[in-house]
Amino acid sequence: MANAVQAIRGMNDILPAESPRWQFVEARFGQLMAGYGYQQIRLPIVEKTELFKRSIGEVTDIVEKEMYTFADRNGDSLSLRPEGTAGCVRAAIQNGLLNQGTQKLWYAGPMFRHERPQKGRYRQFYQLGVEVFGLPGPDIDAELIILTARLWQQLGLADDVRLELNTLGTSEARRAYREVLVEYFSAHQAQLDEDSQRRLHSNPLRILDSKNPDLQALIEAAPRLQDHLDSESAEHFARLRELLEAVGIEYRVNPRLVRGLDYYAKTVFEWVTDRLGAQGTVCAGGRFDGLVEQLGGKPTPAMGFALGMERLVALLDEHPFDETPYRPHAYLVLPGAEAEVAGLRLAEQLRDACPLLRLQVHCGGGSLKSQMKKADRSGAALALILGEEELSSQHVMVKDLRGDTRQKGVAQAQLAAFLARHFSLA
């Protein structure tokens, strides 16, 4: 027998037992976005490679080492998207959205990076992202942070994450600081590891984000961006902190928080956890005021974030989770050929009368005993049994699979109303 084909390393199946947690997060997120006035945008998975080189930066790890890039039949260089912001900016420019005033957008879907797979870091990973265009002030920065805090509350994860905050200043201030940083690390170049030496002249701010314990003392002694910050960014950051404190959002200013992508400026933030080991960043974002112009649009202020689905689901795994809303309310048991015909008709009548009912109909035949075992394994609360006696009397036998209530017959004509009352589906 031929060997079975395996999934690509780092690109994982999400199995039925795992899906309820994913559905729970996605549903809560979609409801939250609607509640704050954000609209969904659906973006292509494949973009021109140029888009990511111009936005993320050609000397970043993502572009240099991690993108899935290929030539299509026309010879164009295409890449699977490694993140969502660049594609969202491209779509906003191309479709004229930025000419229609402020845009509050959100998206969801898979991203791709060729990294060494480990827990919480995969080659195909899923993100939920938000991007806002047209608002320059710290009030929108505060709103995005506040709505993420509300999301943690709704997911039951508020005690698992904490907020870290920083400002990177304007691009002009950051360029001046970059020169100071290069001078400092050049004087200690022999102490730098291979990655940091490579970043020294291409992206020195990323050295500050190194997790190498041998570099922490050197990084701690490095010049601080706050000492080179422009007044505009300092005032913006002070106002953001004031707004967060006004609504009771706790945070820690982390002067070493820089983010890994070239387009960030001014506000940057991360929600981090200690419960996932090395992969502790659950949600991250910041301002990218220059990116729209960089990609060919008119100068447009912008702010956004993305959160990692795998890491959120991993946090949910540590808490009790009610899967009842993702199981069928009832399982229709149909022993016999005549019952199969009548049962399919009855099931559609129930769905017409009670659209919120989650009803699983048995398929595949088998004895009453075997069908009842499958009903129990389905997780349904009730078994609806339509046997020969029930067919002749126009009733259905209702059996409680999760409690001690005695089974009873319910007239088929009254079954929809009974189920609606029983499960509060009106």
Foldseek 3Di string as FASTA:
>chain_A
DDDDDDDDFQDDDQDPVLVLLVVLLVVLVVVLCVVVPAEEDEFDQKDQLVLCCLFQHCLFCQNVPWWDWDADPVRTIMTGAQDDPSRVLVCCFVVVVVVVAKHKYKYKDWHATRDDDDQPDGRIFIKIKIKIWFDDALVVVLVVVVSVCVSCVVLVNNVFKAKEKEFCADPVLNVVVLVQLLVLCVVVVVQDDPVCNSCSPPPNLVVLVDPPPSCPVVSVPGDFSVVSHDPVLVVRVVVNVVVCVVVPHDYHYDRSDDDRGDQAGRMKMFIFGPPRPPNTTFKIWHKRQCNSVSVPHDRMTMIMMMGTSSVSSVSSVVDDDDCLLVFAQEEEAAADPVSVVVVVVLVVVLCVLQVSGRYHYDDDHDDSVVSVVVRLVRVHQWYWYCYPVCVVVQWTWIDGSPDDDDIDIDHSVCVSVVSCVVVVRD
